[in-house]
Amino acid sequence: MVSLVPVVRMMSLHAPRVTLKPCHRLCCQLVHTSYRYKSTKASEEEIDLDQPLKFSTSRAATWKARDTYGGMVTEDKMPWYQPYVVAISLSTFLLYFCVLREENDVDTSLNTSLYDRIEGLEEKQLELTLEEYIQAGKDTEPVKARLKELRESKTN
């Protein structure tokens, strides 16, 4: 693979000072980065094709995706106080919503059973459960008792 870095360096020596556009700067950075991380070619004597390559001793073990896709970025720009702000915000949020906040009408409506909200749902569910228990050969007495109780309360 032919490297373009010497060509770029020659151009910069002989060309007059011109401000490069951002895309040209990025291209130069990428060329420089790819040249810097270019692996050295090993001779055929060093590589034994019959043996597996060791990942832990290769350059791929220390390679980061940031080196490939990040360009010249070498470190995060996270402020030193960010973990403290996140921890305090999260603990304040949990303290308010789990301890200090009082229940309102939405909370009490969420505590009601789904069977109380939808008419006939429990009866239909018990009928389906009864069919499954009969097919599986399980004891159906508790299901039949609850179904009978629901039908009696419905007629009253």
N, C-alpha and C. Protein backbone atom coordinates (compact mmCIF):
# COMPACT_ATOMS: atom_id res chain seq x y z
N MET A 1 0.84 -1.18 0.00
CA MET A 1 0.00 0.00 0.00
C MET A 1 0.89 1.24 0.00
N VAL A 2 0.61 2.13 -0.88
CA VAL A 2 1.41 3.34 -1.01
C VAL A 2 0.85 4.39 -0.07
N SER A 3 1.72 5.01 0.66
CA SER A 3 1.30 6.03 1.61
C SER A 3 1.31 7.40 0.95
N LEU A 4 0.32 8.21 1.27
CA LEU A 4 0.21 9.55 0.70
C LEU A 4 0.86 10.62 1.56
N VAL A 5 1.36 10.25 2.71
CA VAL A 5 1.92 11.25 3.63
C VAL A 5 3.12 11.97 3.03
N PRO A 6 4.08 11.28 2.40
CA PRO A 6 5.19 12.04 1.80
C PRO A 6 4.72 13.01 0.72
N VAL A 7 3.70 12.63 -0.04
CA VAL A 7 3.17 13.52 -1.08
C VAL A 7 2.56 14.76 -0.43
N VAL A 8 1.81 14.58 0.64
CA VAL A 8 1.20 15.71 1.33
C VAL A 8 2.28 16.60 1.92
N ARG A 9 3.34 16.00 2.46
CA ARG A 9 4.43 16.80 3.02
C ARG A 9 5.16 17.58 1.93
N MET A 10 5.39 16.97 0.77
CA MET A 10 6.04 17.66 -0.33
C MET A 10 5.19 18.82 -0.81
N MET A 11 3.89 18.59 -0.89
CA MET A 11 3.00 19.65 -1.33
C MET A 11 3.05 20.81 -0.36
N SER A 12 3.13 20.52 0.94
CA SER A 12 3.15 21.60 1.91
C SER A 12 4.46 22.37 1.88
N LEU A 13 5.57 21.73 1.43
CA LEU A 13 6.84 22.43 1.36
C LEU A 13 6.91 23.38 0.16
N HIS A 14 6.34 22.97 -0.96
CA HIS A 14 6.47 23.75 -2.19
C HIS A 14 5.28 24.66 -2.44
N ALA A 15 4.19 24.44 -1.79
CA ALA A 15 3.00 25.25 -2.04
C ALA A 15 3.03 26.49 -1.16
N PRO A 16 2.45 27.58 -1.64
CA PRO A 16 2.35 28.77 -0.80
C PRO A 16 1.39 28.52 0.35
N ARG A 17 1.49 29.32 1.39
CA ARG A 17 0.61 29.16 2.56
C ARG A 17 -0.82 29.44 2.17
N VAL A 18 -1.65 28.41 2.24
CA VAL A 18 -3.06 28.54 1.92
C VAL A 18 -3.83 27.90 3.07
N THR A 19 -4.89 28.56 3.48
CA THR A 19 -5.73 27.99 4.53
C THR A 19 -6.55 26.87 3.93
N LEU A 20 -6.45 25.70 4.51
CA LEU A 20 -7.19 24.56 3.99
C LEU A 20 -8.62 24.59 4.47
N LYS A 21 -9.50 24.12 3.63
CA LYS A 21 -10.90 24.00 4.03
C LYS A 21 -11.01 22.88 5.05
N PRO A 22 -12.09 22.88 5.86
CA PRO A 22 -12.22 21.84 6.89
C PRO A 22 -12.16 20.42 6.34
N CYS A 23 -12.74 20.20 5.15
CA CYS A 23 -12.72 18.83 4.62
C CYS A 23 -11.29 18.42 4.22
N HIS A 24 -10.48 19.38 3.74
CA HIS A 24 -9.09 19.06 3.41
C HIS A 24 -8.29 18.76 4.66
N ARG A 25 -8.56 19.52 5.73
CA ARG A 25 -7.87 19.26 6.99
C ARG A 25 -8.20 17.86 7.49
N LEU A 26 -9.49 17.49 7.38
CA LEU A 26 -9.91 16.17 7.83
C LEU A 26 -9.23 15.09 7.02
N CYS A 27 -9.15 15.27 5.70
CA CYS A 27 -8.49 14.28 4.85
C CYS A 27 -7.02 14.13 5.23
N CYS A 28 -6.36 15.27 5.48
CA CYS A 28 -4.95 15.21 5.89
C CYS A 28 -4.80 14.50 7.23
N GLN A 29 -5.73 14.76 8.14
CA GLN A 29 -5.67 14.09 9.44
C GLN A 29 -5.85 12.59 9.28
N LEU A 30 -6.81 12.20 8.43
CA LEU A 30 -7.06 10.77 8.24
C LEU A 30 -5.87 10.09 7.58
N VAL A 31 -5.25 10.76 6.60
CA VAL A 31 -4.08 10.19 5.95
C VAL A 31 -2.95 10.05 6.96
N HIS A 32 -2.75 11.10 7.75
CA HIS A 32 -1.70 11.06 8.76
C HIS A 32 -1.97 9.97 9.79
N THR A 33 -3.23 9.83 10.21
CA THR A 33 -3.58 8.81 11.20
C THR A 33 -3.37 7.42 10.63
N SER A 34 -3.80 7.21 9.38
CA SER A 34 -3.63 5.88 8.80
C SER A 34 -2.14 5.56 8.61
N TYR A 35 -1.33 6.56 8.29
CA TYR A 35 0.10 6.34 8.14
C TYR A 35 0.74 6.02 9.49
N ARG A 36 0.30 6.72 10.53
CA ARG A 36 0.87 6.53 11.86
C ARG A 36 0.55 5.13 12.39
N TYR A 37 -0.66 4.63 12.12
CA TYR A 37 -1.06 3.33 12.65
C TYR A 37 -0.82 2.20 11.66
N LYS A 38 -0.11 2.47 10.59
CA LYS A 38 0.16 1.44 9.59
C LYS A 38 1.00 0.35 10.22
N SER A 39 0.59 -0.88 10.03
CA SER A 39 1.35 -1.97 10.63
C SER A 39 2.61 -2.23 9.81
N THR A 40 3.62 -2.69 10.48
CA THR A 40 4.86 -3.03 9.78
C THR A 40 4.68 -4.38 9.12
N LYS A 41 5.24 -4.49 7.92
CA LYS A 41 5.11 -5.75 7.20
C LYS A 41 6.11 -6.76 7.76
N ALA A 42 5.62 -7.90 8.13
CA ALA A 42 6.49 -8.95 8.64
C ALA A 42 6.93 -9.83 7.48
N SER A 43 8.12 -10.32 7.57
CA SER A 43 8.59 -11.19 6.51
C SER A 43 7.88 -12.54 6.62
N GLU A 44 7.98 -13.30 5.55
CA GLU A 44 7.29 -14.58 5.53
C GLU A 44 7.88 -15.56 6.53
N GLU A 45 9.13 -15.34 6.93
CA GLU A 45 9.76 -16.23 7.90
C GLU A 45 9.14 -16.06 9.28
N GLU A 46 8.73 -14.85 9.61
CA GLU A 46 8.18 -14.59 10.94
C GLU A 46 6.78 -15.17 11.10
N ILE A 47 6.00 -15.22 10.05
CA ILE A 47 4.62 -15.69 10.13
C ILE A 47 4.57 -17.17 9.80
N ASP A 48 4.11 -17.94 10.74
CA ASP A 48 3.92 -19.37 10.52
C ASP A 48 2.44 -19.57 10.24
N LEU A 49 2.10 -19.88 9.00
CA LEU A 49 0.70 -19.99 8.60
C LEU A 49 0.02 -21.23 9.16
N ASP A 50 0.80 -22.17 9.66
CA ASP A 50 0.21 -23.38 10.24
C ASP A 50 -0.27 -23.15 11.67
N GLN A 51 0.23 -22.12 12.32
CA GLN A 51 -0.14 -21.82 13.71
C GLN A 51 -1.16 -20.68 13.73
N PRO A 52 -2.05 -20.71 14.70
CA PRO A 52 -3.00 -19.58 14.82
C PRO A 52 -2.27 -18.32 15.29
N LEU A 53 -2.79 -17.18 14.89
CA LEU A 53 -2.21 -15.91 15.32
C LEU A 53 -2.70 -15.58 16.72
N LYS A 54 -1.80 -15.10 17.57
CA LYS A 54 -2.18 -14.74 18.94
C LYS A 54 -2.75 -13.33 18.94
N PHE A 55 -3.98 -13.21 19.38
CA PHE A 55 -4.62 -11.90 19.44
C PHE A 55 -3.98 -11.03 20.50
N SER A 56 -3.64 -11.62 21.63
CA SER A 56 -3.12 -10.84 22.75
C SER A 56 -1.77 -10.19 22.45
N THR A 57 -1.00 -10.76 21.55
CA THR A 57 0.30 -10.18 21.22
C THR A 57 0.27 -9.34 19.95
N SER A 58 -0.84 -9.31 19.28
CA SER A 58 -0.93 -8.51 18.05
C SER A 58 -1.30 -7.07 18.39
N ARG A 59 -1.16 -6.19 17.41
CA ARG A 59 -1.54 -4.79 17.62
C ARG A 59 -3.05 -4.64 17.73
N ALA A 60 -3.80 -5.62 17.26
CA ALA A 60 -5.26 -5.53 17.34
C ALA A 60 -5.76 -5.59 18.77
N ALA A 61 -4.99 -6.15 19.68
CA ALA A 61 -5.41 -6.24 21.08
C ALA A 61 -5.47 -4.87 21.74
N THR A 62 -4.65 -3.95 21.30
CA THR A 62 -4.64 -2.61 21.90
C THR A 62 -5.34 -1.58 21.02
N TRP A 63 -5.86 -1.98 19.90
CA TRP A 63 -6.51 -1.06 18.97
C TRP A 63 -7.89 -0.69 19.49
N LYS A 64 -8.21 0.56 19.42
CA LYS A 64 -9.52 1.03 19.85
C LYS A 64 -10.30 1.52 18.64
N ALA A 65 -11.62 1.42 18.70
CA ALA A 65 -12.45 1.92 17.60
C ALA A 65 -12.27 3.42 17.43
N ARG A 66 -11.95 4.10 18.52
CA ARG A 66 -11.74 5.54 18.46
C ARG A 66 -10.56 5.86 17.53
N ASP A 67 -9.55 4.98 17.50
CA ASP A 67 -8.41 5.21 16.62
C ASP A 67 -8.82 5.16 15.16
N THR A 68 -9.79 4.32 14.84
CA THR A 68 -10.24 4.20 13.47
C THR A 68 -11.23 5.30 13.10
N TYR A 69 -12.23 5.51 13.92
CA TYR A 69 -13.33 6.40 13.57
C TYR A 69 -13.22 7.78 14.21
N GLY A 70 -12.37 7.95 15.19
CA GLY A 70 -12.32 9.22 15.90
C GLY A 70 -11.37 10.23 15.30
N GLY A 71 -10.56 9.84 14.35
CA GLY A 71 -9.61 10.79 13.78
C GLY A 71 -8.52 11.11 14.78
N MET A 72 -8.31 12.37 15.03
CA MET A 72 -7.22 12.81 15.91
C MET A 72 -7.67 12.99 17.36
N VAL A 73 -8.89 12.65 17.69
CA VAL A 73 -9.37 12.82 19.06
C VAL A 73 -8.67 11.79 19.93
N THR A 74 -8.04 12.25 21.00
CA THR A 74 -7.29 11.33 21.85
C THR A 74 -7.90 11.15 23.22
N GLU A 75 -8.72 12.09 23.67
CA GLU A 75 -9.29 11.96 25.00
C GLU A 75 -10.70 12.53 25.01
N ASP A 76 -11.48 12.09 25.98
CA ASP A 76 -12.84 12.59 26.13
C ASP A 76 -12.80 14.01 26.66
N LYS A 77 -13.82 14.77 26.33
CA LYS A 77 -13.92 16.14 26.80
C LYS A 77 -14.92 16.25 27.95
N MET A 78 -15.02 15.21 28.76
CA MET A 78 -15.95 15.19 29.88
C MET A 78 -15.40 16.03 31.02
N PRO A 79 -16.21 16.92 31.58
CA PRO A 79 -15.73 17.70 32.73
C PRO A 79 -15.53 16.82 33.95
N TRP A 80 -14.63 17.22 34.84
CA TRP A 80 -14.30 16.43 36.01
C TRP A 80 -15.46 16.28 36.96
N TYR A 81 -16.39 17.21 36.95
CA TYR A 81 -17.50 17.21 37.90
C TYR A 81 -18.74 16.48 37.39
N GLN A 82 -18.71 15.97 36.16
CA GLN A 82 -19.89 15.33 35.59
C GLN A 82 -20.38 14.11 36.38
N PRO A 83 -19.53 13.19 36.84
CA PRO A 83 -20.04 12.05 37.62
C PRO A 83 -20.75 12.48 38.90
N TYR A 84 -20.25 13.55 39.53
CA TYR A 84 -20.88 14.03 40.76
C TYR A 84 -22.25 14.62 40.48
N VAL A 85 -22.37 15.37 39.39
CA VAL A 85 -23.65 15.97 39.03
C VAL A 85 -24.67 14.89 38.69
N VAL A 86 -24.25 13.88 37.95
CA VAL A 86 -25.17 12.79 37.59
C VAL A 86 -25.60 12.02 38.83
N ALA A 87 -24.69 11.73 39.74
CA ALA A 87 -25.03 10.99 40.96
C ALA A 87 -25.99 11.79 41.84
N ILE A 88 -25.74 13.08 42.00
CA ILE A 88 -26.62 13.91 42.83
C ILE A 88 -27.99 14.04 42.18
N SER A 89 -28.06 14.22 40.88
CA SER A 89 -29.34 14.34 40.18
C SER A 89 -30.15 13.06 40.29
N LEU A 90 -29.49 11.93 40.09
CA LEU A 90 -30.18 10.65 40.16
C LEU A 90 -30.68 10.36 41.57
N SER A 91 -29.86 10.63 42.57
CA SER A 91 -30.30 10.38 43.94
C SER A 91 -31.43 11.32 44.35
N THR A 92 -31.40 12.57 43.90
CA THR A 92 -32.50 13.51 44.19
C THR A 92 -33.79 13.03 43.53
N PHE A 93 -33.70 12.60 42.29
CA PHE A 93 -34.87 12.09 41.57
C PHE A 93 -35.47 10.89 42.31
N LEU A 94 -34.64 9.92 42.68
CA LEU A 94 -35.14 8.73 43.37
C LEU A 94 -35.70 9.06 44.74
N LEU A 95 -35.06 9.96 45.46
CA LEU A 95 -35.55 10.36 46.77
C LEU A 95 -36.93 11.00 46.67
N TYR A 96 -37.11 11.87 45.69
CA TYR A 96 -38.41 12.53 45.54
C TYR A 96 -39.50 11.54 45.14
N PHE A 97 -39.26 10.76 44.08
CA PHE A 97 -40.32 9.90 43.56
C PHE A 97 -40.57 8.65 44.40
N CYS A 98 -39.59 8.20 45.16
CA CYS A 98 -39.78 6.98 45.94
C CYS A 98 -40.12 7.24 47.41
N VAL A 99 -39.76 8.40 47.95
CA VAL A 99 -39.95 8.63 49.38
C VAL A 99 -40.85 9.83 49.66
N LEU A 100 -40.53 10.97 49.12
CA LEU A 100 -41.18 12.22 49.51
C LEU A 100 -42.53 12.48 48.85
N ARG A 101 -42.75 11.97 47.67
CA ARG A 101 -43.96 12.29 46.91
C ARG A 101 -45.18 11.59 47.50
N GLU A 102 -46.29 12.33 47.62
CA GLU A 102 -47.53 11.76 48.13
C GLU A 102 -48.31 11.12 46.99
N GLU A 103 -49.13 10.12 47.36
CA GLU A 103 -49.95 9.48 46.35
C GLU A 103 -51.05 10.43 45.89
N ASN A 104 -51.40 10.33 44.62
CA ASN A 104 -52.50 11.11 44.09
C ASN A 104 -53.53 10.17 43.48
N ASP A 105 -54.55 10.72 42.81
CA ASP A 105 -55.63 9.90 42.28
C ASP A 105 -55.14 8.97 41.16
N VAL A 106 -54.13 9.34 40.43
CA VAL A 106 -53.59 8.46 39.38
C VAL A 106 -52.94 7.23 40.01
N ASP A 107 -52.21 7.42 41.10
CA ASP A 107 -51.58 6.29 41.78
C ASP A 107 -52.63 5.32 42.32
N THR A 108 -53.70 5.84 42.90
CA THR A 108 -54.74 4.95 43.43
C THR A 108 -55.48 4.25 42.32
N SER A 109 -55.67 4.90 41.17
CA SER A 109 -56.34 4.22 40.06
C SER A 109 -55.45 3.14 39.46
N LEU A 110 -54.15 3.31 39.55
CA LEU A 110 -53.24 2.27 39.05
C LEU A 110 -53.19 1.07 39.98
N ASN A 111 -53.60 1.24 41.23
CA ASN A 111 -53.61 0.13 42.18
C ASN A 111 -54.81 -0.79 42.02
N THR A 112 -55.81 -0.39 41.26
CA THR A 112 -56.99 -1.25 41.06
C THR A 112 -56.64 -2.38 40.10
N SER A 113 -57.32 -3.49 40.27
CA SER A 113 -57.07 -4.68 39.47
C SER A 113 -57.61 -4.49 38.05
N LEU A 114 -57.00 -5.17 37.11
CA LEU A 114 -57.46 -5.12 35.73
C LEU A 114 -58.83 -5.78 35.60
N TYR A 115 -59.08 -6.77 36.44
CA TYR A 115 -60.39 -7.43 36.43
C TYR A 115 -61.49 -6.47 36.86
N ASP A 116 -61.18 -5.51 37.74
CA ASP A 116 -62.17 -4.52 38.14
C ASP A 116 -62.41 -3.49 37.05
N ARG A 117 -61.48 -3.27 36.21
CA ARG A 117 -61.60 -2.27 35.15
C ARG A 117 -62.38 -2.79 33.95
N ILE A 118 -62.17 -4.06 33.58
CA ILE A 118 -62.79 -4.62 32.38
C ILE A 118 -63.83 -5.64 32.80
N GLU A 119 -65.05 -5.39 32.41
CA GLU A 119 -66.18 -6.26 32.77
C GLU A 119 -66.06 -7.61 32.05
N GLY A 120 -66.14 -8.71 32.81
CA GLY A 120 -66.15 -10.05 32.24
C GLY A 120 -64.77 -10.62 31.92
N LEU A 121 -63.72 -9.89 32.20
CA LEU A 121 -62.37 -10.37 31.89
C LEU A 121 -61.98 -11.55 32.76
N GLU A 122 -62.26 -11.46 34.05
CA GLU A 122 -61.86 -12.55 34.95
C GLU A 122 -62.61 -13.83 34.62
N GLU A 123 -63.89 -13.71 34.28
CA GLU A 123 -64.68 -14.89 33.93
C GLU A 123 -64.12 -15.56 32.67
N LYS A 124 -63.82 -14.77 31.66
CA LYS A 124 -63.27 -15.32 30.42
C LYS A 124 -61.90 -15.96 30.67
N GLN A 125 -61.09 -15.32 31.50
CA GLN A 125 -59.78 -15.86 31.83
C GLN A 125 -59.90 -17.19 32.58
N LEU A 126 -60.85 -17.27 33.49
CA LEU A 126 -61.06 -18.52 34.22
C LEU A 126 -61.55 -19.64 33.31
N GLU A 127 -62.40 -19.30 32.33
CA GLU A 127 -62.87 -20.31 31.38
C GLU A 127 -61.71 -20.87 30.56
N LEU A 128 -60.83 -19.99 30.10
CA LEU A 128 -59.66 -20.45 29.34
C LEU A 128 -58.71 -21.28 30.21
N THR A 129 -58.54 -20.86 31.46
CA THR A 129 -57.69 -21.60 32.39
C THR A 129 -58.28 -22.98 32.67
N LEU A 130 -59.60 -23.06 32.80
CA LEU A 130 -60.28 -24.34 33.04
C LEU A 130 -60.04 -25.30 31.87
N GLU A 131 -60.14 -24.79 30.63
CA GLU A 131 -59.88 -25.64 29.46
C GLU A 131 -58.43 -26.15 29.45
N GLU A 132 -57.49 -25.28 29.78
CA GLU A 132 -56.08 -25.69 29.81
C GLU A 132 -55.83 -26.72 30.90
N TYR A 133 -56.44 -26.53 32.07
CA TYR A 133 -56.26 -27.48 33.17
C TYR A 133 -56.85 -28.84 32.81
N ILE A 134 -57.99 -28.84 32.13
CA ILE A 134 -58.61 -30.12 31.73
C ILE A 134 -57.70 -30.84 30.74
N GLN A 135 -57.14 -30.12 29.76
CA GLN A 135 -56.26 -30.73 28.77
C GLN A 135 -54.96 -31.24 29.41
N ALA A 136 -54.47 -30.53 30.42
CA ALA A 136 -53.23 -30.93 31.07
C ALA A 136 -53.46 -31.97 32.16
N GLY A 137 -54.71 -32.22 32.53
CA GLY A 137 -55.01 -33.20 33.57
C GLY A 137 -54.75 -32.69 34.97
N LYS A 138 -54.81 -31.38 35.17
CA LYS A 138 -54.57 -30.79 36.49
C LYS A 138 -55.87 -30.70 37.27
N ASP A 139 -55.74 -30.41 38.57
CA ASP A 139 -56.90 -30.25 39.44
C ASP A 139 -57.63 -28.97 39.07
N THR A 140 -58.94 -29.09 38.76
CA THR A 140 -59.73 -27.94 38.31
C THR A 140 -60.68 -27.41 39.37
N GLU A 141 -60.65 -27.97 40.56
CA GLU A 141 -61.61 -27.56 41.59
C GLU A 141 -61.48 -26.08 41.99
N PRO A 142 -60.27 -25.53 42.23
CA PRO A 142 -60.20 -24.11 42.60
C PRO A 142 -60.71 -23.18 41.49
N VAL A 143 -60.45 -23.55 40.23
CA VAL A 143 -60.90 -22.72 39.11
C VAL A 143 -62.41 -22.78 39.00
N LYS A 144 -62.99 -23.99 39.15
CA LYS A 144 -64.44 -24.13 39.08
C LYS A 144 -65.12 -23.39 40.22
N ALA A 145 -64.53 -23.44 41.42
CA ALA A 145 -65.12 -22.75 42.57
C ALA A 145 -65.13 -21.24 42.34
N ARG A 146 -64.03 -20.68 41.85
CA ARG A 146 -63.98 -19.23 41.61
C ARG A 146 -64.92 -18.84 40.48
N LEU A 147 -65.04 -19.65 39.44
CA LEU A 147 -65.96 -19.38 38.33
C LEU A 147 -67.40 -19.41 38.81
N LYS A 148 -67.74 -20.38 39.67
CA LYS A 148 -69.09 -20.46 40.22
C LYS A 148 -69.38 -19.24 41.09
N GLU A 149 -68.40 -18.82 41.88
CA GLU A 149 -68.55 -17.64 42.74
C GLU A 149 -68.80 -16.38 41.91
N LEU A 150 -68.08 -16.23 40.81
CA LEU A 150 -68.27 -15.06 39.94
C LEU A 150 -69.65 -15.06 39.29
N ARG A 151 -70.11 -16.21 38.83
CA ARG A 151 -71.42 -16.29 38.17
C ARG A 151 -72.55 -16.04 39.15
N GLU A 152 -72.39 -16.48 40.42
CA GLU A 152 -73.41 -16.22 41.43
C GLU A 152 -73.47 -14.73 41.78
N SER A 153 -72.30 -14.09 41.88
CA SER A 153 -72.30 -12.65 42.20
C SER A 153 -72.82 -11.84 41.02
N LYS A 154 -72.71 -12.36 39.82
CA LYS A 154 -73.21 -11.67 38.63
C LYS A 154 -74.74 -11.73 38.58
N THR A 155 -75.33 -12.84 39.00
CA THR A 155 -76.79 -12.98 38.98
C THR A 155 -77.43 -12.19 40.12
N ASN A 156 -76.72 -11.95 41.20
CA ASN A 156 -77.29 -11.21 42.34
C ASN A 156 -77.20 -9.76 42.14
